[in-house]
Protein backbone atom coordinates (compact mmCIF):
# COMPACT_ATOMS: atom_id res chain seq x y z
CA MET A 1 0.00 0.00 0.00
CA PRO A 2 1.99 3.05 -1.23
CA THR A 3 2.13 5.75 1.43
CA VAL A 4 2.35 9.36 0.25
CA ALA A 5 3.62 12.32 2.28
CA ILE A 6 3.21 15.92 1.16
CA HIS A 7 5.01 19.01 2.38
CA GLN A 8 6.11 22.40 1.15
CA PRO A 9 9.77 22.52 -0.02
CA ASN A 10 11.22 24.08 3.11
CA PHE A 11 14.62 25.72 3.55
CA LEU A 12 17.19 23.42 5.23
CA PRO A 13 14.32 21.72 7.10
CA TRP A 14 14.20 20.22 10.58
CA LEU A 15 14.56 16.52 11.43
CA GLY A 16 10.81 15.92 11.36
CA PHE A 17 10.74 16.79 7.66
CA PHE A 18 13.24 14.04 6.87
CA ASP A 19 11.52 11.61 9.23
CA LYS A 20 8.38 12.10 7.12
CA ILE A 21 10.37 11.40 3.94
CA SER A 22 11.79 8.23 5.50
CA ARG A 23 8.28 6.93 6.29
CA ALA A 24 6.84 7.55 2.82
CA ASP A 25 6.98 5.63 -0.45
CA VAL A 26 6.53 8.89 -2.39
CA PHE A 27 7.13 12.42 -1.12
CA VAL A 28 5.40 15.33 -2.87
CA LEU A 29 7.01 18.77 -2.65
CA LEU A 30 4.00 21.09 -2.41
CA ASP A 31 5.29 23.96 -4.57
CA SER A 32 1.92 24.76 -6.15
CA VAL A 33 0.28 26.49 -3.17
CA GLN A 34 0.37 30.20 -2.42
CA PHE A 35 3.39 31.77 -0.74
CA PRO A 36 2.23 34.17 2.02
CA LYS A 37 2.36 37.78 0.92
CA LYS A 38 3.50 38.96 4.35
CA GLY A 39 5.34 37.38 7.24
CA GLY A 40 7.74 34.50 7.39
CA THR A 41 7.38 30.87 6.39
CA TRP A 42 9.50 27.74 6.74
CA VAL A 43 9.95 27.84 2.96
CA ASN A 44 12.43 30.72 3.27
CA ARG A 45 13.62 30.60 6.86
CA VAL A 46 14.67 28.12 9.54
CA ARG A 47 15.88 28.26 13.13
CA ILE A 48 19.48 27.55 14.12
CA LEU A 49 21.33 27.76 17.42
CA VAL A 50 23.70 30.70 17.94
CA ASN A 51 25.46 30.91 21.32
CA GLY A 52 22.78 28.68 22.82
CA ARG A 53 19.90 30.81 21.53
CA GLU A 54 17.47 30.19 18.70
CA THR A 55 18.07 32.47 15.72
CA TRP A 56 16.41 32.71 12.31
CA LEU A 57 18.44 32.03 9.18
CA THR A 58 16.43 33.61 6.37
CA VAL A 59 16.58 33.51 2.58
CA PRO A 60 15.77 37.02 1.25
CA ILE A 61 12.99 36.94 -1.34
CA GLU A 62 11.53 39.32 -3.88
CA ARG A 63 8.28 40.76 -2.54
CA SER A 64 7.73 43.59 -5.02
CA TYR A 65 4.99 41.85 -6.96
CA HIS A 66 1.26 42.38 -7.32
CA GLY A 67 -1.37 39.84 -6.41
CA THR A 68 -0.32 36.39 -5.26
CA ARG A 69 2.37 33.90 -6.24
CA ALA A 70 2.77 30.19 -5.77
CA ILE A 71 5.91 28.88 -4.05
CA ARG A 72 7.27 27.76 -7.43
CA GLU A 73 7.13 31.38 -8.64
CA MET A 74 9.09 32.92 -5.76
CA ARG A 75 12.53 34.38 -6.43
CA ILE A 76 15.53 34.88 -4.18
CA ARG A 77 16.65 38.49 -3.74
CA ASP A 78 20.43 38.18 -3.88
CA ASP A 79 21.82 39.66 -7.07
CA ASP A 80 25.42 39.98 -5.91
CA GLY A 81 25.68 36.78 -3.87
CA ARG A 82 26.25 38.53 -0.56
CA TRP A 83 23.42 36.72 1.21
CA ARG A 84 24.88 33.33 0.36
CA GLU A 85 28.30 34.20 1.76
CA THR A 86 26.71 35.78 4.85
CA ALA A 87 24.68 32.60 5.45
CA ILE A 88 27.83 30.48 5.27
CA LYS A 89 29.59 32.79 7.73
CA THR A 90 26.58 32.72 10.06
CA LEU A 91 26.56 28.92 10.14
CA ARG A 92 30.32 28.86 10.67
CA SER A 93 29.98 31.30 13.56
CA ALA A 94 27.11 29.28 15.06
CA TYR A 95 28.57 25.80 14.65
CA GLY A 96 32.27 26.22 13.94
CA ARG A 97 33.22 24.60 17.26
CA ALA A 98 30.67 21.79 17.04
CA PRO A 99 32.29 18.34 16.67
CA PHE A 100 31.23 17.60 13.10
CA PHE A 101 30.89 21.03 11.51
CA ASP A 102 34.17 20.95 9.60
CA ALA A 103 33.06 17.80 7.79
CA ILE A 104 29.54 19.00 7.05
CA GLU A 105 30.55 22.53 5.97
CA ALA A 106 31.96 21.12 2.74
CA GLU A 107 28.47 19.80 1.98
CA LEU A 108 26.66 22.99 3.00
CA GLN A 109 28.69 25.49 1.02
CA PRO A 110 27.66 24.24 -2.45
CA LEU A 111 24.02 24.14 -1.36
CA LEU A 112 24.04 27.73 -0.14
CA ARG A 113 26.10 28.95 -3.10
CA ASP A 114 23.66 27.43 -5.58
CA ALA A 115 23.25 30.35 -8.00
CA THR A 116 19.62 29.74 -8.92
CA SER A 117 17.18 32.52 -8.05
CA ASP A 118 14.28 30.03 -7.99
CA LEU A 119 13.44 29.47 -4.31
CA ALA A 120 11.66 26.13 -4.81
CA THR A 121 14.54 24.77 -6.90
CA PHE A 122 17.11 26.09 -4.41
CA ASN A 123 15.34 24.28 -1.55
CA GLU A 124 14.67 21.11 -3.52
CA ARG A 125 18.32 20.68 -4.46
CA ALA A 126 19.35 21.07 -0.83
CA ILE A 127 16.67 18.62 0.32
CA ARG A 128 17.81 16.04 -2.23
CA ARG A 129 21.45 16.35 -1.15
CA ILE A 130 20.53 16.04 2.52
CA CYS A 131 18.45 12.95 1.70
CA ALA A 132 21.53 11.45 0.06
CA LEU A 133 23.60 12.15 3.18
CA LEU A 134 20.91 10.41 5.25
CA ASP A 135 20.65 7.45 2.87
CA LEU A 136 17.01 8.26 2.09
CA ASP A 137 15.96 7.14 -1.38
CA THR A 138 12.25 8.01 -1.28
CA PRO A 139 11.23 9.48 -4.68
CA LEU A 140 10.58 13.24 -4.54
CA VAL A 141 8.14 14.81 -7.00
CA ARG A 142 6.81 18.34 -7.40
CA ALA A 143 3.10 19.01 -7.00
CA SER A 144 3.25 21.50 -9.89
CA GLU A 145 4.25 18.66 -12.22
CA LEU A 146 1.30 16.45 -11.30
CA ASP A 147 -2.25 16.35 -12.65
CA ALA A 148 -3.96 17.41 -9.42
CA ASP A 149 -6.41 20.15 -8.47
CA GLY A 150 -8.54 21.44 -5.63
CA ALA A 151 -7.63 23.23 -2.41
CA ALA A 152 -6.83 22.21 1.16
CA THR A 153 -7.80 18.57 1.82
CA ASP A 154 -9.22 18.15 -1.69
CA LEU A 155 -5.79 18.99 -3.10
CA LEU A 156 -4.07 16.51 -0.78
CA VAL A 157 -6.46 13.75 -1.86
CA SER A 158 -5.89 14.64 -5.52
CA LEU A 159 -2.10 14.56 -5.10
CA VAL A 160 -2.16 11.17 -3.37
CA ARG A 161 -4.23 9.80 -6.24
CA ALA A 162 -1.96 11.43 -8.84
CA VAL A 163 1.05 9.41 -7.63
CA GLY A 164 -0.88 6.18 -7.16
CA GLY A 165 -1.03 6.26 -3.37
CA ASP A 166 -3.42 4.34 -1.14
CA ALA A 167 -2.40 5.97 2.15
CA TYR A 168 -1.61 9.53 3.24
CA LEU A 169 0.92 10.32 5.97
CA ALA A 170 -0.17 13.46 7.81
CA GLY A 171 2.13 15.57 9.98
CA GLY A 172 1.43 16.65 13.53
CA GLY A 173 0.09 20.08 12.61
CA ALA A 174 -2.58 18.94 10.17
CA GLY A 175 -5.49 18.82 12.60
CA GLY A 176 -6.32 22.51 12.29
CA TYR A 177 -7.35 22.45 8.65
CA GLN A 178 -7.48 18.85 7.45
CA GLU A 179 -10.87 17.22 6.79
CA ASP A 180 -10.13 13.59 7.66
CA GLU A 181 -13.43 12.24 6.36
CA LYS A 182 -12.48 13.17 2.78
CA PHE A 183 -9.64 10.64 2.78
CA ALA A 184 -11.98 7.85 3.87
CA ALA A 185 -14.49 8.88 1.21
CA ALA A 186 -11.75 8.62 -1.43
CA GLY A 187 -10.65 5.19 -0.17
CA ILE A 188 -7.35 6.54 1.18
CA GLU A 189 -6.03 5.35 4.54
CA LEU A 190 -5.02 8.24 6.81
CA ARG A 191 -1.89 7.78 8.89
CA TYR A 192 -0.23 10.20 11.31
CA GLN A 193 3.51 10.74 11.59
CA ARG A 194 3.64 11.40 15.36
CA PHE A 195 7.29 12.41 15.26
CA GLU A 196 8.98 12.97 18.60
CA PRO A 197 12.06 15.23 18.28
CA PRO A 198 15.10 13.24 19.46
CA VAL A 199 17.44 14.65 22.09
CA TYR A 200 21.15 15.00 21.31
CA PRO A 201 24.01 17.13 22.71
CA GLN A 202 24.04 20.76 21.58
CA ARG A 203 27.06 22.91 22.23
CA GLY A 204 26.27 26.02 24.26
CA SER A 205 22.84 24.89 25.46
CA ASP A 206 22.10 23.34 28.87
CA THR A 207 18.76 21.96 27.70
CA HIS A 208 17.99 20.48 24.30
CA VAL A 209 16.40 22.89 21.81
CA PRO A 210 14.12 21.01 19.36
CA GLY A 211 12.79 22.11 15.97
CA LEU A 212 16.06 23.42 14.54
CA SER A 213 17.43 22.92 11.03
CA VAL A 214 18.89 19.51 10.28
CA VAL A 215 22.19 21.42 10.07
CA ASP A 216 22.17 21.54 13.87
CA ALA A 217 22.07 17.75 14.12
CA PHE A 218 24.68 17.34 11.39
CA ALA A 219 27.05 19.71 13.19
CA HIS A 220 26.67 18.03 16.58
CA VAL A 221 26.38 14.31 15.79
CA GLY A 222 27.36 14.08 12.10
CA PRO A 223 25.50 12.37 9.23
CA ASP A 224 25.86 8.91 10.83
CA GLY A 225 24.51 10.17 14.13
CA THR A 226 21.67 11.99 12.41
CA ARG A 227 20.70 8.80 10.59
CA ARG A 228 20.52 7.07 13.96
CA LEU A 229 18.35 9.87 15.35
CA LEU A 230 15.87 9.16 12.56
CA GLY A 231 15.91 5.47 13.36
């Protein structure tokens, strides 16, 4: 019974994102939905740990457009490359003394220096490389390349059907908007991820801080240790 997971293509996502990939037979990158006109989103920002405190690492985006845009239409605002170099320096400052950062920095630099201005492509390439480091081989497909329509739960059902799925893996935050009965009506089994953030040592913090970018785990326990955290 093919299980399908669906999530927006987030920026250097947290461990729960990759746990969801590991539990799915197909993972759909939801790039076809609207990017919020104002405020932040996990698609262009993520939390990291700097001197024991949570700090946002943000991809600057072009917001001088009229109307609305889908995630696949969003562009990075970084004409001269300064943001990319600043991001690398920020991560080096945050994690330079962590046990495994020297090894993982060589992987991070090409991801952050990716010259594309397409935000969805930028994130997708990073996600694919991180999956490779974690030995995850779940197929990733873009929602915008599938024959699916509808909104909210109807769109999720349509996407599961478009990739031949019989089960949908929902994340922990789906209860606020998801209409569970529509999956049953479509003959799709609904499963819940129920991910519990694992605890691991974090330099500079007395208590574990969950929900950070996977970069935090890579820097502190390395790719092998991060694979073990995901079980």
